[in-house]
Protein backbone atom coordinates (compact mmCIF):
# COMPACT_ATOMS: atom_id res chain seq x y z
CA MET A 1 -80.95 -36.66 -161.32
CA ALA A 2 -81.76 -36.39 -158.02
CA ALA A 3 -82.94 -33.98 -155.28
CA ASP A 4 -79.02 -34.67 -153.85
CA GLU A 5 -77.49 -34.57 -156.35
CA ARG A 6 -79.11 -30.80 -158.49
CA SER A 7 -78.78 -30.03 -154.75
CA SER A 8 -75.28 -31.47 -154.31
CA VAL A 9 -74.91 -29.30 -158.46
CA THR A 10 -76.97 -25.92 -157.14
CA GLU A 11 -74.28 -25.83 -154.23
CA GLU A 12 -70.51 -26.55 -156.10
CA PHE A 13 -72.34 -23.50 -158.64
CA GLU A 14 -72.94 -21.55 -156.20
CA ALA A 15 -69.24 -21.81 -154.04
CA LEU A 16 -68.21 -20.79 -158.14
CA VAL A 17 -70.06 -17.91 -159.41
CA VAL A 18 -71.15 -16.17 -155.92
CA PRO A 19 -67.25 -14.05 -155.63
CA VAL A 20 -67.42 -13.45 -159.66
CA LEU A 21 -70.66 -11.70 -159.31
CA ASP A 22 -69.20 -8.24 -157.90
CA SER A 23 -66.86 -8.32 -161.35
CA ALA A 24 -68.73 -10.06 -163.28
CA TYR A 25 -71.36 -5.91 -162.75
CA ARG A 26 -68.88 -4.40 -163.10
CA THR A 27 -68.24 -5.36 -166.28
CA ALA A 28 -71.52 -5.09 -167.26
CA LEU A 29 -72.34 -2.19 -166.19
CA ARG A 30 -70.04 -0.98 -168.78
CA LEU A 31 -71.39 -2.41 -171.58
CA ALA A 32 -74.54 -2.21 -171.45
CA GLY A 33 -74.51 1.63 -170.11
CA ASN A 34 -77.33 1.84 -167.16
CA GLN A 35 -77.98 -0.30 -163.51
CA ALA A 36 -80.64 -2.42 -164.83
CA ALA A 37 -79.67 -3.16 -167.28
CA ALA A 38 -76.16 -5.05 -165.82
CA GLU A 39 -77.99 -6.24 -163.60
CA ASP A 40 -80.39 -8.44 -166.01
CA LEU A 41 -78.00 -8.55 -167.81
CA VAL A 42 -75.96 -11.27 -165.21
CA GLN A 43 -79.21 -11.98 -163.87
CA ASP A 44 -78.93 -13.84 -167.02
CA ALA A 45 -75.57 -14.82 -167.53
CA ALA A 46 -75.82 -16.48 -163.64
CA LEU A 47 -79.02 -18.74 -164.61
CA LEU A 48 -77.73 -19.73 -168.71
CA ALA A 49 -74.27 -20.48 -166.66
CA LEU A 50 -76.75 -22.76 -164.07
CA ARG A 51 -78.95 -24.60 -167.05
CA GLY A 52 -75.32 -25.20 -168.72
CA PHE A 53 -73.35 -26.02 -166.24
CA GLY A 54 -72.70 -29.55 -166.49
CA SER A 55 -70.80 -28.66 -169.53
CA PHE A 56 -68.21 -26.58 -166.93
CA ARG A 57 -65.04 -28.97 -167.09
CA LYS A 58 -63.72 -28.88 -163.24
CA GLY A 59 -60.33 -26.99 -163.49
CA THR A 60 -60.81 -24.46 -165.85
CA ASN A 61 -61.15 -20.61 -165.87
CA PHE A 62 -64.64 -20.72 -164.20
CA LYS A 63 -64.73 -16.54 -164.09
CA ALA A 64 -63.63 -17.00 -167.77
CA TRP A 65 -66.54 -19.20 -168.21
CA PHE A 66 -68.87 -17.24 -166.83
CA PHE A 67 -67.54 -13.76 -168.68
CA ARG A 68 -67.38 -16.22 -171.77
CA ILE A 69 -71.57 -16.50 -171.44
CA LEU A 70 -72.07 -13.19 -170.00
CA MET A 71 -70.44 -11.48 -173.39
CA ASN A 72 -72.54 -13.14 -175.34
CA ARG A 73 -75.92 -12.43 -172.65
CA PHE A 74 -74.41 -9.18 -173.93
CA TYR A 75 -74.23 -9.46 -177.83
CA SER A 76 -77.06 -10.89 -178.41
CA ASP A 77 -79.48 -8.61 -176.31
CA TYR A 78 -77.99 -5.86 -175.79
CA ARG A 79 -75.75 -5.28 -178.80
CA ARG A 80 -78.78 -5.59 -181.00
CA ALA A 81 -80.76 -3.13 -179.36
CA ARG A 82 -78.07 -0.12 -179.44
CA ARG A 83 -77.67 2.20 -181.59
CA ALA A 84 -74.97 1.48 -183.56
CA GLY A 85 -71.68 3.69 -183.00
CA THR A 86 -69.79 5.66 -185.40
CA PRO A 87 -67.22 4.21 -188.08
CA VAL A 88 -63.85 4.79 -185.90
CA ASP A 89 -60.69 6.02 -188.27
CA LEU A 90 -57.71 5.39 -186.26
CA GLU A 91 -55.46 7.13 -188.21
CA ASP A 92 -57.28 10.21 -186.51
CA THR A 93 -55.11 9.36 -183.99
CA PRO A 94 -51.11 9.15 -183.73
CA GLU A 95 -49.03 6.51 -181.58
CA LEU A 96 -47.92 9.00 -178.87
CA TYR A 97 -51.44 10.97 -179.23
CA LEU A 98 -51.76 11.51 -175.36
CA ARG A 99 -47.88 11.96 -174.99
CA SER A 100 -47.95 14.58 -177.97
CA ARG A 101 -51.00 16.44 -175.82
CA ALA A 102 -49.19 16.52 -172.80
CA GLU A 103 -45.31 18.16 -174.39
CA ALA A 104 -47.67 20.65 -175.88
CA ALA A 105 -49.74 21.49 -172.75
CA GLY A 106 -46.18 21.86 -170.43
CA ILE A 107 -47.43 19.84 -168.78
CA ILE A 108 -44.17 17.35 -167.54
CA GLY A 109 -43.97 14.64 -165.74
CA PRO A 110 -41.52 12.25 -164.68
CA ASP A 111 -40.48 10.06 -167.10
CA ASP A 112 -43.11 10.55 -169.13
CA PRO A 113 -45.43 13.43 -169.71
CA ALA A 114 -48.77 10.79 -170.75
CA ASP A 115 -48.37 10.34 -166.72
CA ALA A 116 -48.07 13.50 -165.77
CA VAL A 117 -51.46 13.56 -167.69
CA ILE A 118 -52.92 9.42 -166.21
CA ASP A 119 -51.81 11.01 -162.72
CA ARG A 120 -54.87 14.12 -162.98
CA ILE A 121 -57.12 11.93 -164.25
CA ASP A 122 -59.09 10.13 -161.82
CA THR A 123 -61.18 6.38 -161.59
CA GLU A 124 -64.87 8.82 -162.73
CA LEU A 125 -62.47 10.48 -166.47
CA ALA A 126 -60.66 6.89 -166.51
CA VAL A 127 -63.95 5.46 -166.67
CA ALA A 128 -66.26 7.87 -168.72
CA ALA A 129 -63.08 7.16 -171.28
CA LEU A 130 -63.56 3.69 -171.03
CA ASP A 131 -67.72 3.55 -172.01
CA ALA A 132 -66.71 6.36 -174.64
CA LEU A 133 -64.83 3.23 -176.93
CA PRO A 134 -66.86 1.73 -179.66
CA ASP A 135 -67.78 -2.00 -177.98
CA GLU A 136 -66.24 -4.46 -180.30
CA PHE A 137 -62.88 -2.05 -178.68
CA ARG A 138 -64.98 -1.86 -175.06
CA THR A 139 -64.89 -5.35 -174.76
CA ALA A 140 -61.93 -5.62 -174.72
CA ALA A 141 -60.42 -2.96 -172.76
CA THR A 142 -62.56 -3.42 -170.04
CA LEU A 143 -62.02 -7.54 -169.84
CA TYR A 144 -58.32 -5.79 -170.11
CA PHE A 145 -58.23 -2.88 -168.40
CA THR A 146 -60.67 -3.80 -165.23
CA GLN A 147 -60.74 -7.40 -164.89
CA ASP A 148 -56.90 -7.96 -165.57
CA PHE A 149 -57.47 -10.76 -168.00
CA SER A 150 -54.94 -12.86 -169.64
CA TYR A 151 -54.74 -11.91 -173.63
CA GLN A 152 -55.26 -15.89 -173.65
CA GLU A 153 -59.02 -15.34 -171.11
CA ILE A 154 -60.33 -12.40 -173.35
CA ALA A 155 -60.40 -14.57 -176.57
CA ASP A 156 -61.75 -17.34 -175.12
CA VAL A 157 -64.23 -14.64 -174.12
CA LEU A 158 -65.07 -13.39 -176.24
CA GLY A 159 -64.63 -16.95 -178.60
CA VAL A 160 -61.90 -15.20 -180.65
CA PRO A 161 -58.88 -15.55 -182.70
CA ILE A 162 -56.17 -14.83 -179.69
CA GLY A 163 -54.83 -12.13 -182.91
CA THR A 164 -57.81 -10.02 -183.26
CA VAL A 165 -57.90 -9.89 -178.51
CA ARG A 166 -53.84 -8.25 -179.90
CA SER A 167 -55.31 -6.57 -182.90
CA ARG A 168 -57.98 -4.50 -180.95
CA LEU A 169 -56.37 -3.62 -177.63
CA HIS A 170 -53.86 -1.91 -179.76
CA ARG A 171 -56.85 0.30 -180.86
CA ALA A 172 -58.35 0.07 -177.69
CA ARG A 173 -55.17 1.89 -176.73
CA ARG A 174 -54.84 4.81 -179.45
CA LEU A 175 -58.62 5.89 -178.77
CA LEU A 176 -57.99 5.77 -175.17
CA GLN A 177 -55.39 8.41 -175.85
CA ARG A 178 -57.39 11.11 -177.44
CA THR A 179 -60.66 9.86 -175.66
CA LEU A 180 -58.70 10.13 -171.72
CA TRP A 181 -58.07 14.36 -173.03
CA GLN A 182 -61.20 14.49 -174.54
CA VAL A 183 -61.76 14.19 -171.22
CA ALA A 184 -60.07 15.49 -169.38
CA GLU A 185 -60.08 19.01 -170.68
CA GLU A 186 -64.18 18.84 -170.87
CA ARG A 187 -64.27 17.95 -167.42
CA GLY A 188 -60.64 21.16 -167.11
CA VAL A 189 -58.14 18.08 -165.86
CA VAL A 190 -55.57 19.62 -168.47
CA THR A 191 -55.58 22.70 -171.04
CA GLY A 192 -52.85 23.93 -173.56
CA PRO A 193 -52.57 24.92 -177.12
CA GLU A 194 -54.44 22.67 -179.49
CA VAL A 195 -52.10 20.34 -181.32
CA GLY A 196 -53.37 19.06 -184.60
CA SER A 197 -55.47 16.47 -185.10
């Protein structure tokens, strides 16, 4: 490849990658858990994306393509190194967990008691709850809730069928209800009587 052609490809890549770097970093931070690891993850993904830029189809979703590289890098380098999470039993979390806890605590929202709880939870608490999810649920939920990716985009990024994305997000929502309540209780945002598990 000639120097002019290489320069043109690099400029084209930079024009596409720069706008997604901030959201990629925020996602990497949620996944990796610390600033240095997140920076390394994004840097590695950017280098891999530049090397593989020839495989990117112009006119398609660059952000989804880049996030797939980011996720693959996370899974290959960081997930293996992390301690395996404890198995999650969704039977411990009923479908309307947050609503039932809010009602039991006497928190009444205008239309939905869960809305009143969510209104009391700041971004930091929501992020802590999201971070507490097991990896497979956290990655799908992070892409959905923080990056506004569609189910299909998440499926493309994670390399899984769309049905798997739906299942993971359904389970993530159930787990988030319990986790949000626990985090809110731990931080004194809500208090109330204990409802049966």
